[in-house]
Amino acid sequence: MAACYLTTTDNNYDPTVDFDAWWNEDRRLGYDTCGKLARYTARRGWSDDLSEEKQLAIIEDAIDDIVDNDFLGLYKKIKKETKESTEKD
């Protein structure tokens, strides 16, 4: 299973490696990327009650929508295999 993350092209930190540094830089740059992603996932029915697989699918769909409609080319998607999926292989 893969997890997707949303970041910006001008943030030099990787949210999968050092989330705190990434978040601080994101806020310094004035983006609130987590807030944007939260709004997009809420529109798609994201809930704590959904399975992890369904949650990840909603997150990826929201990220794809953000990136596809980003006319400034600011946002980008990071996709990484989760630890669970690499252990199962």
Protein backbone atom coordinates (compact mmCIF):
# COMPACT_ATOMS: atom_id res chain seq x y z
CA MET A 1 0.00 0.00 0.00
CA ALA A 2 1.27 3.46 -0.83
CA ALA A 3 0.71 6.69 1.03
CA CYS A 4 0.61 10.03 -0.76
CA TYR A 5 1.72 13.39 0.55
CA LEU A 6 1.23 16.92 -0.72
CA THR A 7 4.07 19.41 -0.69
CA THR A 8 5.17 22.49 -2.57
CA THR A 9 7.98 22.83 -5.07
CA ASP A 10 9.73 25.48 -2.96
CA ASN A 11 9.71 23.57 0.34
CA ASN A 12 13.09 21.85 0.67
CA TYR A 13 11.95 19.56 3.48
CA ASP A 14 10.41 16.13 2.96
CA PRO A 15 7.20 15.70 4.98
CA THR A 16 7.83 11.95 5.15
CA VAL A 17 11.26 12.39 6.74
CA ASP A 18 11.05 15.54 8.90
CA PHE A 19 7.42 16.60 9.16
CA ASP A 20 8.05 19.29 11.78
CA ALA A 21 10.66 21.07 9.65
CA TRP A 22 8.46 20.66 6.56
CA TRP A 23 5.40 22.04 8.40
CA ASN A 24 7.32 25.00 9.80
CA GLU A 25 8.62 25.87 6.33
CA ASP A 26 5.15 25.43 4.82
CA ARG A 27 3.70 27.83 7.38
CA ARG A 28 6.59 30.29 6.92
CA LEU A 29 5.90 30.31 3.19
CA GLY A 30 2.23 31.02 3.97
CA TYR A 31 0.63 27.98 2.32
CA ASP A 32 -1.17 25.93 5.01
CA THR A 33 -0.91 22.88 2.77
CA CYS A 34 -2.33 20.60 5.49
CA GLY A 35 -5.40 22.82 5.77
CA LYS A 36 -5.90 22.80 2.00
CA LEU A 37 -5.64 19.02 1.90
CA ALA A 38 -8.05 18.72 4.84
CA ARG A 39 -10.65 20.80 3.00
CA TYR A 40 -10.32 18.69 -0.16
CA THR A 41 -10.55 15.38 1.72
CA ALA A 42 -13.57 16.58 3.74
CA ARG A 43 -15.43 17.25 0.47
CA ARG A 44 -14.79 13.63 -0.49
CA GLY A 45 -16.25 12.22 2.72
CA TRP A 46 -13.06 11.44 4.63
CA SER A 47 -13.79 10.08 8.11
CA ASP A 48 -11.99 8.32 10.94
CA ASP A 49 -14.59 5.57 10.56
CA LEU A 50 -13.37 4.60 7.07
CA SER A 51 -10.85 1.84 6.53
CA GLU A 52 -7.23 2.90 6.17
CA GLU A 53 -7.30 1.80 2.54
CA LYS A 54 -10.32 4.03 1.82
CA GLN A 55 -8.75 6.95 3.70
CA LEU A 56 -5.55 6.66 1.67
CA ALA A 57 -7.58 6.52 -1.56
CA ILE A 58 -9.46 9.69 -0.63
CA ILE A 59 -6.22 11.46 0.27
CA GLU A 60 -4.59 10.46 -3.02
CA ASP A 61 -7.66 11.56 -4.99
CA ALA A 62 -7.66 14.94 -3.23
CA ILE A 63 -3.92 15.41 -3.85
CA ASP A 64 -4.35 14.53 -7.53
CA ASP A 65 -7.15 17.09 -7.79
CA ILE A 66 -5.03 19.80 -6.14
CA VAL A 67 -2.00 19.10 -8.35
CA ASP A 68 -4.06 18.77 -11.55
CA ASN A 69 -5.78 22.12 -10.95
CA ASP A 70 -2.69 24.01 -9.76
CA PHE A 71 -2.16 26.48 -12.60
CA LEU A 72 0.86 27.99 -10.82
CA GLY A 73 2.68 24.65 -10.61
CA LEU A 74 3.24 25.10 -6.88
CA TYR A 75 2.05 21.75 -5.51
CA LYS A 76 3.51 18.30 -6.05
CA LYS A 77 2.67 14.80 -4.94
CA ILE A 78 5.00 12.45 -3.11
CA LYS A 79 4.08 8.77 -3.15
CA LYS A 80 5.83 6.31 -0.84
CA GLU A 81 5.24 2.70 0.00
CA THR A 82 4.10 2.24 3.58
CA LYS A 83 6.06 0.09 5.96
CA GLU A 84 3.22 -2.43 6.06
CA SER A 85 3.28 -2.95 2.31
CA THR A 86 7.04 -3.49 2.19
CA GLU A 87 6.85 -6.03 5.03
CA LYS A 88 4.12 -8.00 3.23
CA ASP A 89 6.10 -8.25 -0.02
